[in-house]
Amino acid sequence: MSHSDIQKINSTEVMSAVTVFNQVVYLSGQVPKNPDLDIEGQTRDILATIEQLLALANSDKSRLLSVQLFLKDLADFPKVNAIYVDWLKDSVAPSRATIQADLVNPKWLIEIAVIAAQK
């Protein structure tokens, strides 16, 4: 079934990486492309993917409405937070939640889901 008012980008049978409805962009939880990286590398990898996906949906990090950080180990929070703050340095920070989570792949140290407004 197709709904012309809903746009889906990078879809599989399981999920769409991006869904756009009413000029709001919803990104599925993003995980590292290289799970062998440390927490800093995984965080930077995911943030770069988020920027790419937001661009596909005519948005960017300055338009973020909400961010959810899922961390395997809360001891990684200071490192993740420092990278996150630097990543957003030219933007007003959105609403955010940080949750400790047992992620699906044991090598994933972080997953990030965001919601943004379109330009």
PDB file of N, CA and C in Angstrom:
ATOM      1  N   MET A   1       0.846  -1.173   0.000  1.00  0.00           N
ATOM      2  CA  MET A   1       0.000   0.000   0.000  1.00  0.00           C
ATOM      3  C   MET A   1       0.892   1.237   0.000  1.00  0.00           C
ATOM      4  N   SER A   2       0.542   2.220  -0.804  1.00  0.00           N
ATOM      5  CA  SER A   2       1.307   3.453  -0.914  1.00  0.00           C
ATOM      6  C   SER A   2       0.483   4.636  -0.409  1.00  0.00           C
ATOM      7  N   HIS A   3       1.136   5.499   0.313  1.00  0.00           N
ATOM      8  CA  HIS A   3       0.506   6.727   0.801  1.00  0.00           C
ATOM      9  C   HIS A   3       1.318   7.888   0.237  1.00  0.00           C
ATOM     10  N   SER A   4       0.732   8.644  -0.654  1.00  0.00           N
ATOM     11  CA  SER A   4       1.470   9.701  -1.333  1.00  0.00           C
ATOM     12  C   SER A   4       1.914  10.822  -0.390  1.00  0.00           C
ATOM     13  N   ASP A   5       1.322  10.937   0.777  1.00  0.00           N
ATOM     14  CA  ASP A   5       1.708  11.987   1.709  1.00  0.00           C
ATOM     15  C   ASP A   5       2.843  11.552   2.648  1.00  0.00           C
ATOM     16  N   ILE A   6       3.270  10.295   2.521  1.00  0.00           N
ATOM     17  CA  ILE A   6       4.359   9.775   3.345  1.00  0.00           C
ATOM     18  C   ILE A   6       5.499   9.372   2.423  1.00  0.00           C
ATOM     19  N   GLN A   7       6.689   9.920   2.685  1.00  0.00           N
ATOM     20  CA  GLN A   7       7.869   9.591   1.894  1.00  0.00           C
ATOM     21  C   GLN A   7       8.763   8.667   2.713  1.00  0.00           C
ATOM     22  N   LYS A   8       9.230   7.583   2.084  1.00  0.00           N
ATOM     23  CA  LYS A   8      10.135   6.651   2.760  1.00  0.00           C
ATOM     24  C   LYS A   8      11.410   6.546   1.929  1.00  0.00           C
ATOM     25  N   ILE A   9      12.553   6.588   2.614  1.00  0.00           N
ATOM     26  CA  ILE A   9      13.862   6.593   1.960  1.00  0.00           C
ATOM     27  C   ILE A   9      14.695   5.446   2.522  1.00  0.00           C
ATOM     28  N   ASN A  10      15.429   4.784   1.625  1.00  0.00           N
ATOM     29  CA  ASN A  10      16.302   3.657   2.007  1.00  0.00           C
ATOM     30  C   ASN A  10      15.510   2.590   2.772  1.00  0.00           C
ATOM     31  N   SER A  11      14.478   2.089   2.116  1.00  0.00           N
ATOM     32  CA  SER A  11      13.595   1.108   2.747  1.00  0.00           C
ATOM     33  C   SER A  11      14.026  -0.324   2.459  1.00  0.00           C
ATOM     34  N   THR A  12      13.800  -1.176   3.444  1.00  0.00           N
ATOM     35  CA  THR A  12      13.961  -2.629   3.290  1.00  0.00           C
ATOM     36  C   THR A  12      12.653  -3.263   3.736  1.00  0.00           C
ATOM     37  N   GLU A  13      12.603  -4.584   3.765  1.00  0.00           N
ATOM     38  CA  GLU A  13      11.386  -5.250   4.242  1.00  0.00           C
ATOM     39  C   GLU A  13      11.204  -5.079   5.746  1.00  0.00           C
ATOM     40  N   VAL A  14      12.257  -4.657   6.437  1.00  0.00           N
ATOM     41  CA  VAL A  14      12.212  -4.501   7.889  1.00  0.00           C
ATOM     42  C   VAL A  14      11.876  -3.068   8.311  1.00  0.00           C
ATOM     43  N   MET A  15      12.478  -2.071   7.624  1.00  0.00           N
ATOM     44  CA  MET A  15      12.274  -0.681   8.035  1.00  0.00           C
ATOM     45  C   MET A  15      12.732   0.273   6.943  1.00  0.00           C
ATOM     46  N   SER A  16      12.380   1.528   7.123  1.00  0.00           N
ATOM     47  CA  SER A  16      12.892   2.611   6.287  1.00  0.00           C
ATOM     48  C   SER A  16      13.881   3.400   7.135  1.00  0.00           C
ATOM     49  N   ALA A  17      15.013   3.739   6.553  1.00  0.00           N
ATOM     50  CA  ALA A  17      15.998   4.541   7.285  1.00  0.00           C
ATOM     51  C   ALA A  17      15.430   5.914   7.595  1.00  0.00           C
ATOM     52  N   VAL A  18      14.599   6.427   6.667  1.00  0.00           N
ATOM     53  CA  VAL A  18      14.009   7.756   6.816  1.00  0.00           C
ATOM     54  C   VAL A  18      12.539   7.701   6.434  1.00  0.00           C
ATOM     55  N   THR A  19      11.708   8.335   7.241  1.00  0.00           N
ATOM     56  CA  THR A  19      10.297   8.529   6.909  1.00  0.00           C
ATOM     57  C   THR A  19       9.995  10.011   7.079  1.00  0.00           C
ATOM     58  N   VAL A  20       9.318  10.587   6.077  1.00  0.00           N
ATOM     59  CA  VAL A  20       8.955  12.003   6.125  1.00  0.00           C
ATOM     60  C   VAL A  20       7.439  12.110   6.039  1.00  0.00           C
ATOM     61  N   PHE A  21       6.861  12.864   6.983  1.00  0.00           N
ATOM     62  CA  PHE A  21       5.417  13.105   6.997  1.00  0.00           C
ATOM     63  C   PHE A  21       5.178  14.500   7.550  1.00  0.00           C
ATOM     64  N   ASN A  22       4.359  15.278   6.858  1.00  0.00           N
ATOM     65  CA  ASN A  22       4.042  16.646   7.304  1.00  0.00           C
ATOM     66  C   ASN A  22       5.296  17.474   7.583  1.00  0.00           C
ATOM     67  N   GLN A  23       6.289  17.342   6.729  1.00  0.00           N
ATOM     68  CA  GLN A  23       7.555  18.076   6.825  1.00  0.00           C
ATOM     69  C   GLN A  23       8.348  17.768   8.095  1.00  0.00           C
ATOM     70  N   VAL A  24       8.081  16.604   8.675  1.00  0.00           N
ATOM     71  CA  VAL A  24       8.863  16.120   9.805  1.00  0.00           C
ATOM     72  C   VAL A  24       9.613  14.868   9.346  1.00  0.00           C
ATOM     73  N   VAL A  25      10.910  14.819   9.653  1.00  0.00           N
ATOM     74  CA  VAL A  25      11.795  13.738   9.231  1.00  0.00           C
ATOM     75  C   VAL A  25      12.080  12.836  10.431  1.00  0.00           C
ATOM     76  N   TYR A  26      11.763  11.560  10.279  1.00  0.00           N
ATOM     77  CA  TYR A  26      11.998  10.566  11.329  1.00  0.00           C
ATOM     78  C   TYR A  26      13.089   9.618  10.843  1.00  0.00           C
ATOM     79  N   LEU A  27      14.192   9.534  11.565  1.00  0.00           N
ATOM     80  CA  LEU A  27      15.244   8.583  11.227  1.00  0.00           C
ATOM     81  C   LEU A  27      15.150   7.372  12.150  1.00  0.00           C
ATOM     82  N   SER A  28      15.267   6.205  11.561  1.00  0.00           N
ATOM     83  CA  SER A  28      15.375   4.992  12.365  1.00  0.00           C
ATOM     84  C   SER A  28      16.662   5.074  13.181  1.00  0.00           C
ATOM     85  N   GLY A  29      16.747   4.271  14.203  1.00  0.00           N
ATOM     86  CA  GLY A  29      17.979   4.234  14.983  1.00  0.00           C
ATOM     87  C   GLY A  29      19.160   3.896  14.082  1.00  0.00           C
ATOM     88  N   GLN A  30      20.193   4.727  14.134  1.00  0.00           N
ATOM     89  CA  GLN A  30      21.383   4.519  13.315  1.00  0.00           C
ATOM     90  C   GLN A  30      22.462   3.864  14.167  1.00  0.00           C
ATOM     91  N   VAL A  31      23.114   2.886  13.579  1.00  0.00           N
ATOM     92  CA  VAL A  31      24.167   2.142  14.257  1.00  0.00           C
ATOM     93  C   VAL A  31      25.458   2.281  13.449  1.00  0.00           C
ATOM     94  N   PRO A  32      26.596   1.964  14.050  1.00  0.00           N
ATOM     95  CA  PRO A  32      27.858   2.149  13.339  1.00  0.00           C
ATOM     96  C   PRO A  32      27.991   1.208  12.136  1.00  0.00           C
ATOM     97  N   LYS A  33      28.554   1.755  11.063  1.00  0.00           N
ATOM     98  CA  LYS A  33      28.836   0.914   9.892  1.00  0.00           C
ATOM     99  C   LYS A  33      29.993  -0.024  10.197  1.00  0.00           C
ATOM    100  N   ASN A  34      30.917   0.431  11.046  1.00  0.00           N
ATOM    101  CA  ASN A  34      32.050  -0.388  11.452  1.00  0.00           C
ATOM    102  C   ASN A  34      31.958  -0.628  12.956  1.00  0.00           C
ATOM    103  N   PRO A  35      31.420  -1.780  13.361  1.00  0.00           N
ATOM    104  CA  PRO A  35      31.234  -2.037  14.798  1.00  0.00           C
ATOM    105  C   PRO A  35      32.532  -2.329  15.551  1.00  0.00           C
ATOM    106  N   ASP A  36      33.658  -2.408  14.835  1.00  0.00           N
ATOM    107  CA  ASP A  36      34.929  -2.663  15.514  1.00  0.00           C
ATOM    108  C   ASP A  36      35.587  -1.390  16.030  1.00  0.00           C
ATOM    109  N   LEU A  37      34.993  -0.228  15.718  1.00  0.00           N
ATOM    110  CA  LEU A  37      35.522   1.040  16.221  1.00  0.00           C
ATOM    111  C   LEU A  37      35.237   1.184  17.713  1.00  0.00           C
ATOM    112  N   ASP A  38      35.992   2.056  18.381  1.00  0.00           N
ATOM    113  CA  ASP A  38      35.722   2.355  19.793  1.00  0.00           C
ATOM    114  C   ASP A  38      34.510   3.290  19.867  1.00  0.00           C
ATOM    115  N   ILE A  39      34.129   3.697  21.061  1.00  0.00           N
ATOM    116  CA  ILE A  39      32.915   4.501  21.224  1.00  0.00           C
ATOM    117  C   ILE A  39      33.016   5.832  20.486  1.00  0.00           C
ATOM    118  N   GLU A  40      34.179   6.450  20.491  1.00  0.00           N
ATOM    119  CA  GLU A  40      34.330   7.722  19.768  1.00  0.00           C
ATOM    120  C   GLU A  40      34.150   7.511  18.267  1.00  0.00           C
ATOM    121  N   GLY A  41      34.787   6.480  17.729  1.00  0.00           N
ATOM    122  CA  GLY A  41      34.672   6.190  16.301  1.00  0.00           C
ATOM    123  C   GLY A  41      33.255   5.836  15.902  1.00  0.00           C
ATOM    124  N   GLN A  42      32.583   5.009  16.717  1.00  0.00           N
ATOM    125  CA  GLN A  42      31.202   4.638  16.420  1.00  0.00           C
ATOM    126  C   GLN A  42      30.290   5.869  16.463  1.00  0.00           C
ATOM    127  N   THR A  43      30.500   6.745  17.429  1.00  0.00           N
ATOM    128  CA  THR A  43      29.670   7.946  17.548  1.00  0.00           C
ATOM    129  C   THR A  43      29.853   8.849  16.331  1.00  0.00           C
ATOM    130  N   ARG A  44      31.089   9.104  15.954  1.00  0.00           N
ATOM    131  CA  ARG A  44      31.352   9.954  14.782  1.00  0.00           C
ATOM    132  C   ARG A  44      30.786   9.327  13.503  1.00  0.00           C
ATOM    133  N   ASP A  45      30.919   8.023  13.375  1.00  0.00           N
ATOM    134  CA  ASP A  45      30.403   7.294  12.214  1.00  0.00           C
ATOM    135  C   ASP A  45      28.885   7.484  12.105  1.00  0.00           C
ATOM    136  N   ILE A  46      28.190   7.324  13.211  1.00  0.00           N
ATOM    137  CA  ILE A  46      26.731   7.461  13.217  1.00  0.00           C
ATOM    138  C   ILE A  46      26.318   8.901  12.928  1.00  0.00           C
ATOM    139  N   LEU A  47      26.992   9.866  13.528  1.00  0.00           N
ATOM    140  CA  LEU A  47      26.634  11.264  13.288  1.00  0.00           C
ATOM    141  C   LEU A  47      26.831  11.642  11.821  1.00  0.00           C
ATOM    142  N   ALA A  48      27.856  11.104  11.184  1.00  0.00           N
ATOM    143  CA  ALA A  48      28.058  11.352   9.748  1.00  0.00           C
ATOM    144  C   ALA A  48      26.921  10.736   8.935  1.00  0.00           C
ATOM    145  N   THR A  49      26.491   9.535   9.296  1.00  0.00           N
ATOM    146  CA  THR A  49      25.357   8.894   8.611  1.00  0.00           C
ATOM    147  C   THR A  49      24.094   9.717   8.800  1.00  0.00           C
ATOM    148  N   ILE A  50      23.866  10.213  10.002  1.00  0.00           N
ATOM    149  CA  ILE A  50      22.682  11.037  10.279  1.00  0.00           C
ATOM    150  C   ILE A  50      22.692  12.278   9.395  1.00  0.00           C
ATOM    151  N   GLU A  51      23.832  12.923   9.252  1.00  0.00           N
ATOM    152  CA  GLU A  51      23.914  14.105   8.382  1.00  0.00           C
ATOM    153  C   GLU A  51      23.558  13.750   6.942  1.00  0.00           C
ATOM    154  N   GLN A  52      24.052  12.617   6.464  1.00  0.00           N
ATOM    155  CA  GLN A  52      23.760  12.186   5.089  1.00  0.00           C
ATOM    156  C   GLN A  52      22.272  11.908   4.908  1.00  0.00           C
ATOM    157  N   LEU A  53      21.672  11.210   5.852  1.00  0.00           N
ATOM    158  CA  LEU A  53      20.247  10.878   5.744  1.00  0.00           C
ATOM    159  C   LEU A  53      19.366  12.121   5.857  1.00  0.00           C
ATOM    160  N   LEU A  54      19.728  13.027   6.744  1.00  0.00           N
ATOM    161  CA  LEU A  54      18.959  14.269   6.849  1.00  0.00           C
ATOM    162  C   LEU A  54      19.020  15.047   5.533  1.00  0.00           C
ATOM    163  N   ALA A  55      20.174  15.073   4.892  1.00  0.00           N
ATOM    164  CA  ALA A  55      20.308  15.774   3.611  1.00  0.00           C
ATOM    165  C   ALA A  55      19.404  15.146   2.550  1.00  0.00           C
ATOM    166  N   LEU A  56      19.294  13.825   2.543  1.00  0.00           N
ATOM    167  CA  LEU A  56      18.406  13.145   1.596  1.00  0.00           C
ATOM    168  C   LEU A  56      16.948  13.564   1.795  1.00  0.00           C
ATOM    169  N   ALA A  57      16.611  13.945   3.019  1.00  0.00           N
ATOM    170  CA  ALA A  57      15.235  14.318   3.360  1.00  0.00           C
ATOM    171  C   ALA A  57      15.045  15.841   3.405  1.00  0.00           C
ATOM    172  N   ASN A  58      15.991  16.582   2.830  1.00  0.00           N
ATOM    173  CA  ASN A  58      15.911  18.041   2.801  1.00  0.00           C
ATOM    174  C   ASN A  58      15.880  18.637   4.217  1.00  0.00           C
ATOM    175  N   SER A  59      16.826  18.191   5.037  1.00  0.00           N
ATOM    176  CA  SER A  59      16.963  18.702   6.388  1.00  0.00           C
ATOM    177  C   SER A  59      18.442  18.713   6.743  1.00  0.00           C
ATOM    178  N   ASP A  60      18.759  19.151   7.945  1.00  0.00           N
ATOM    179  CA  ASP A  60      20.133  19.090   8.447  1.00  0.00           C
ATOM    180  C   ASP A  60      20.101  19.159   9.977  1.00  0.00           C
ATOM    181  N   LYS A  61      21.276  19.050  10.583  1.00  0.00           N
ATOM    182  CA  LYS A  61      21.326  18.970  12.043  1.00  0.00           C
ATOM    183  C   LYS A  61      20.840  20.237  12.737  1.00  0.00           C
ATOM    184  N   SER A  62      20.833  21.369  12.037  1.00  0.00           N
ATOM    185  CA  SER A  62      20.304  22.597  12.639  1.00  0.00           C
ATOM    186  C   SER A  62      18.787  22.549  12.791  1.00  0.00           C
ATOM    187  N   ARG A  63      18.141  21.567  12.146  1.00  0.00           N
ATOM    188  CA  ARG A  63      16.685  21.431  12.174  1.00  0.00           C
ATOM    189  C   ARG A  63      16.232  20.294  13.102  1.00  0.00           C
ATOM    190  N   LEU A  64      17.156  19.735  13.884  1.00  0.00           N
ATOM    191  CA  LEU A  64      16.810  18.635  14.789  1.00  0.00           C
ATOM    192  C   LEU A  64      15.787  19.085  15.819  1.00  0.00           C
ATOM    193  N   LEU A  65      14.799  18.224  16.037  1.00  0.00           N
ATOM    194  CA  LEU A  65      13.779  18.452  17.057  1.00  0.00           C
ATOM    195  C   LEU A  65      14.038  17.611  18.300  1.00  0.00           C
ATOM    196  N   SER A  66      14.523  16.380  18.075  1.00  0.00           N
ATOM    197  CA  SER A  66      14.713  15.441  19.175  1.00  0.00           C
ATOM    198  C   SER A  66      15.798  14.434  18.818  1.00  0.00           C
ATOM    199  N   VAL A  67      16.572  14.046  19.823  1.00  0.00           N
ATOM    200  CA  VAL A  67      17.623  13.038  19.653  1.00  0.00           C
ATOM    201  C   VAL A  67      17.505  12.035  20.794  1.00  0.00           C
ATOM    202  N   GLN A  68      17.617  10.761  20.443  1.00  0.00           N
ATOM    203  CA  GLN A  68      17.665   9.694  21.451  1.00  0.00           C
ATOM    204  C   GLN A  68      18.982   8.950  21.295  1.00  0.00           C
ATOM    205  N   LEU A  69      19.761   8.960  22.357  1.00  0.00           N
ATOM    206  CA  LEU A  69      21.029   8.238  22.392  1.00  0.00           C
ATOM    207  C   LEU A  69      20.836   6.959  23.187  1.00  0.00           C
ATOM    208  N   PHE A  70      21.163   5.844  22.582  1.00  0.00           N
ATOM    209  CA  PHE A  70      21.099   4.553  23.261  1.00  0.00           C
ATOM    210  C   PHE A  70      22.532   4.081  23.467  1.00  0.00           C
ATOM    211  N   LEU A  71      22.962   4.009  24.718  1.00  0.00           N
ATOM    212  CA  LEU A  71      24.333   3.621  25.041  1.00  0.00           C
ATOM    213  C   LEU A  71      24.358   2.253  25.705  1.00  0.00           C
ATOM    214  N   LYS A  72      25.278   1.426  25.253  1.00  0.00           N
ATOM    215  CA  LYS A  72      25.452   0.117  25.872  1.00  0.00           C
ATOM    216  C   LYS A  72      26.000   0.289  27.293  1.00  0.00           C
ATOM    217  N   ASP A  73      26.956   1.216  27.448  1.00  0.00           N
ATOM    218  CA  ASP A  73      27.618   1.413  28.734  1.00  0.00           C
ATOM    219  C   ASP A  73      27.573   2.902  29.090  1.00  0.00           C
ATOM    220  N   LEU A  74      26.899   3.254  30.166  1.00  0.00           N
ATOM    221  CA  LEU A  74      26.785   4.658  30.553  1.00  0.00           C
ATOM    222  C   LEU A  74      28.125   5.286  30.918  1.00  0.00           C
ATOM    223  N   ALA A  75      29.151   4.480  31.146  1.00  0.00           N
ATOM    224  CA  ALA A  75      30.490   5.018  31.393  1.00  0.00           C
ATOM    225  C   ALA A  75      31.024   5.739  30.153  1.00  0.00           C
ATOM    226  N   ASP A  76      30.460   5.425  28.978  1.00  0.00           N
ATOM    227  CA  ASP A  76      30.866   6.084  27.731  1.00  0.00           C
ATOM    228  C   ASP A  76      30.208   7.455  27.552  1.00  0.00           C
ATOM    229  N   PHE A  77      29.274   7.805  28.427  1.00  0.00           N
ATOM    230  CA  PHE A  77      28.515   9.046  28.256  1.00  0.00           C
ATOM    231  C   PHE A  77      29.396  10.291  28.118  1.00  0.00           C
ATOM    232  N   PRO A  78      30.410  10.503  28.963  1.00  0.00           N
ATOM    233  CA  PRO A  78      31.215  11.730  28.816  1.00  0.00           C
ATOM    234  C   PRO A  78      31.874  11.849  27.440  1.00  0.00           C
ATOM    235  N   LYS A  79      32.386  10.762  26.907  1.00  0.00           N
ATOM    236  CA  LYS A  79      33.030  10.798  25.581  1.00  0.00           C
ATOM    237  C   LYS A  79      31.997  11.087  24.492  1.00  0.00           C
ATOM    238  N   VAL A  80      30.865  10.399  24.552  1.00  0.00           N
ATOM    239  CA  VAL A  80      29.804  10.605  23.565  1.00  0.00           C
ATOM    240  C   VAL A  80      29.283  12.031  23.652  1.00  0.00           C
ATOM    241  N   ASN A  81      29.060  12.514  24.848  1.00  0.00           N
ATOM    242  CA  ASN A  81      28.518  13.856  25.031  1.00  0.00           C
ATOM    243  C   ASN A  81      29.462  14.917  24.468  1.00  0.00           C
ATOM    244  N   ALA A  82      30.759  14.764  24.672  1.00  0.00           N
ATOM    245  CA  ALA A  82      31.735  15.727  24.149  1.00  0.00           C
ATOM    246  C   ALA A  82      31.692  15.772  22.622  1.00  0.00           C
ATOM    247  N   ILE A  83      31.616  14.618  21.984  1.00  0.00           N
ATOM    248  CA  ILE A  83      31.534  14.559  20.519  1.00  0.00           C
ATOM    249  C   ILE A  83      30.230  15.168  20.048  1.00  0.00           C
ATOM    250  N   TYR A  84      29.138  14.847  20.719  1.00  0.00           N
ATOM    251  CA  TYR A  84      27.805  15.362  20.380  1.00  0.00           C
ATOM    252  C   TYR A  84      27.762  16.885  20.486  1.00  0.00           C
ATOM    253  N   VAL A  85      28.272  17.437  21.573  1.00  0.00           N
ATOM    254  CA  VAL A  85      28.278  18.890  21.784  1.00  0.00           C
ATOM    255  C   VAL A  85      29.098  19.564  20.681  1.00  0.00           C
ATOM    256  N   ASP A  86      30.257  18.992  20.350  1.00  0.00           N
ATOM    257  CA  ASP A  86      31.082  19.552  19.284  1.00  0.00           C
ATOM    258  C   ASP A  86      30.357  19.488  17.936  1.00  0.00           C
ATOM    259  N   TRP A  87      29.680  18.384  17.674  1.00  0.00           N
ATOM    260  CA  TRP A  87      28.936  18.191  16.419  1.00  0.00           C
ATOM    261  C   TRP A  87      27.848  19.251  16.261  1.00  0.00           C
ATOM    262  N   LEU A  88      27.233  19.646  17.362  1.00  0.00           N
ATOM    263  CA  LEU A  88      26.137  20.624  17.331  1.00  0.00           C
ATOM    264  C   LEU A  88      26.587  22.060  17.616  1.00  0.00           C
ATOM    265  N   LYS A  89      27.882  22.323  17.612  1.00  0.00           N
ATOM    266  CA  LYS A  89      28.394  23.620  18.080  1.00  0.00           C
ATOM    267  C   LYS A  89      27.793  24.830  17.370  1.00  0.00           C
ATOM    268  N   ASP A  90      27.351  24.694  16.127  1.00  0.00           N
ATOM    269  CA  ASP A  90      26.773  25.826  15.414  1.00  0.00           C
ATOM    270  C   ASP A  90      25.242  25.777  15.368  1.00  0.00           C
ATOM    271  N   SER A  91      24.651  24.931  16.191  1.00  0.00           N
ATOM    272  CA  SER A  91      23.198  24.754  16.210  1.00  0.00           C
ATOM    273  C   SER A  91      22.689  24.847  17.640  1.00  0.00           C
ATOM    274  N   VAL A  92      21.404  25.136  17.773  1.00  0.00           N
ATOM    275  CA  VAL A  92      20.770  25.082  19.092  1.00  0.00           C
ATOM    276  C   VAL A  92      20.438  23.614  19.359  1.00  0.00           C
ATOM    277  N   ALA A  93      20.808  23.137  20.516  1.00  0.00           N
ATOM    278  CA  ALA A  93      20.602  21.722  20.846  1.00  0.00           C
ATOM    279  C   ALA A  93      19.107  21.385  20.900  1.00  0.00           C
ATOM    280  N   PRO A  94      18.738  20.229  20.344  1.00  0.00           N
ATOM    281  CA  PRO A  94      17.343  19.791  20.394  1.00  0.00           C
ATOM    282  C   PRO A  94      17.025  19.121  21.737  1.00  0.00           C
ATOM    283  N   SER A  95      15.776  18.721  21.891  1.00  0.00           N
ATOM    284  CA  SER A  95      15.407  17.868  23.028  1.00  0.00           C
ATOM    285  C   SER A  95      16.214  16.587  22.913  1.00  0.00           C
ATOM    286  N   ARG A  96      16.539  15.968  24.056  1.00  0.00           N
ATOM    287  CA  ARG A  96      17.371  14.769  23.987  1.00  0.00           C
ATOM    288  C   ARG A  96      17.080  13.849  25.162  1.00  0.00           C
ATOM    289  N   ALA A  97      17.213  12.563  24.877  1.00  0.00           N
ATOM    290  CA  ALA A  97      17.152  11.546  25.927  1.00  0.00           C
ATOM    291  C   ALA A  97      18.357  10.632  25.749  1.00  0.00           C
ATOM    292  N   THR A  98      18.894  10.180  26.862  1.00  0.00           N
ATOM    293  CA  THR A  98      19.992   9.204  26.838  1.00  0.00           C
ATOM    294  C   THR A  98      19.530   7.995  27.627  1.00  0.00           C
ATOM    295  N   ILE A  99      19.618   6.845  26.990  1.00  0.00           N
ATOM    296  CA  ILE A  99      19.088   5.618  27.568  1.00  0.00           C
ATOM    297  C   ILE A  99      20.170   4.543  27.542  1.00  0.00           C
ATOM    298  N   GLN A 100      20.337   3.819  28.638  1.00  0.00           N
ATOM    299  CA  GLN A 100      21.215   2.656  28.607  1.00  0.00           C
ATOM    300  C   GLN A 100      20.431   1.508  27.985  1.00  0.00           C
ATOM    301  N   ALA A 101      21.055   0.825  27.010  1.00  0.00           N
ATOM    302  CA  ALA A 101      20.338  -0.214  26.280  1.00  0.00           C
ATOM    303  C   ALA A 101      21.257  -1.379  25.939  1.00  0.00           C
ATOM    304  N   ASP A 102      20.693  -2.550  25.947  1.00  0.00           N
ATOM    305  CA  ASP A 102      21.374  -3.750  25.481  1.00  0.00           C
ATOM    306  C   ASP A 102      21.080  -3.841  23.984  1.00  0.00           C
ATOM    307  N   LEU A 103      22.018  -3.388  23.158  1.00  0.00           N
ATOM    308  CA  LEU A 103      21.790  -3.280  21.722  1.00  0.00           C
ATOM    309  C   LEU A 103      21.834  -4.647  21.046  1.00  0.00           C
ATOM    310  N   VAL A 104      21.203  -4.745  19.878  1.00  0.00           N
ATOM    311  CA  VAL A 104      21.016  -6.018  19.181  1.00  0.00           C
ATOM    312  C   VAL A 104      22.338  -6.705  18.855  1.00  0.00           C
ATOM    313  N   ASN A 105      23.285  -5.954  18.295  1.00  0.00           N
ATOM    314  CA  ASN A 105      24.604  -6.511  17.983  1.00  0.00           C
ATOM    315  C   ASN A 105      25.518  -6.235  19.173  1.00  0.00           C
ATOM    316  N   PRO A 106      26.124  -7.248  19.749  1.00  0.00           N
ATOM    317  CA  PRO A 106      26.963  -7.031  20.937  1.00  0.00           C
ATOM    318  C   PRO A 106      28.143  -6.084  20.700  1.00  0.00           C
ATOM    319  N   LYS A 107      28.552  -5.882  19.437  1.00  0.00           N
ATOM    320  CA  LYS A 107      29.660  -4.967  19.137  1.00  0.00           C
ATOM    321  C   LYS A 107      29.214  -3.514  19.047  1.00  0.00           C
ATOM    322  N   TRP A 108      27.912  -3.279  18.910  1.00  0.00           N
ATOM    323  CA  TRP A 108      27.418  -1.903  18.860  1.00  0.00           C
ATOM    324  C   TRP A 108      27.494  -1.304  20.258  1.00  0.00           C
ATOM    325  N   LEU A 109      28.125  -0.166  20.368  1.00  0.00           N
ATOM    326  CA  LEU A 109      28.240   0.527  21.643  1.00  0.00           C
ATOM    327  C   LEU A 109      27.234   1.665  21.763  1.00  0.00           C
ATOM    328  N   ILE A 110      26.667   2.068  20.614  1.00  0.00           N
ATOM    329  CA  ILE A 110      25.748   3.207  20.590  1.00  0.00           C
ATOM    330  C   ILE A 110      24.803   3.084  19.396  1.00  0.00           C
ATOM    331  N   GLU A 111      23.599   3.598  19.582  1.00  0.00           N
ATOM    332  CA  GLU A 111      22.614   3.750  18.517  1.00  0.00           C
ATOM    333  C   GLU A 111      21.979   5.123  18.730  1.00  0.00           C
ATOM    334  N   ILE A 112      21.717   5.840  17.625  1.00  0.00           N
ATOM    335  CA  ILE A 112      21.136   7.187  17.734  1.00  0.00           C
ATOM    336  C   ILE A 112      19.949   7.294  16.799  1.00  0.00           C
ATOM    337  N   ALA A 113      18.827   7.772  17.329  1.00  0.00           N
ATOM    338  CA  ALA A 113      17.614   8.034  16.536  1.00  0.00           C
ATOM    339  C   ALA A 113      17.299   9.523  16.660  1.00  0.00           C
ATOM    340  N   VAL A 114      16.882  10.128  15.530  1.00  0.00           N
ATOM    341  CA  VAL A 114      16.578  11.562  15.556  1.00  0.00           C
ATOM    342  C   VAL A 114      15.274  11.853  14.822  1.00  0.00           C
ATOM    343  N   ILE A 115      14.718  13.002  15.167  1.00  0.00           N
ATOM    344  CA  ILE A 115      13.563  13.576  14.472  1.00  0.00           C
ATOM    345  C   ILE A 115      13.965  15.010  14.135  1.00  0.00           C
ATOM    346  N   ALA A 116      13.646  15.432  12.902  1.00  0.00           N
ATOM    347  CA  ALA A 116      14.013  16.781  12.459  1.00  0.00           C
ATOM    348  C   ALA A 116      12.907  17.385  11.623  1.00  0.00           C
ATOM    349  N   ALA A 117      12.930  18.691  11.484  1.00  0.00           N
ATOM    350  CA  ALA A 117      12.018  19.391  10.585  1.00  0.00           C
ATOM    351  C   ALA A 117      12.682  19.535   9.222  1.00  0.00           C
ATOM    352  N   GLN A 118      11.895  19.477   8.165  1.00  0.00           N
ATOM    353  CA  GLN A 118      12.438  19.737   6.842  1.00  0.00           C
ATOM    354  C   GLN A 118      12.712  21.227   6.693  1.00  0.00           C
ATOM    355  N   LYS A 119      13.553  21.570   5.725  1.00  0.00           N
ATOM    356  CA  LYS A 119      13.836  22.987   5.433  1.00  0.00           C
ATOM    357  C   LYS A 119      12.646  23.607   4.739  1.00  0.00           C
TER     358      LYS A 119
END
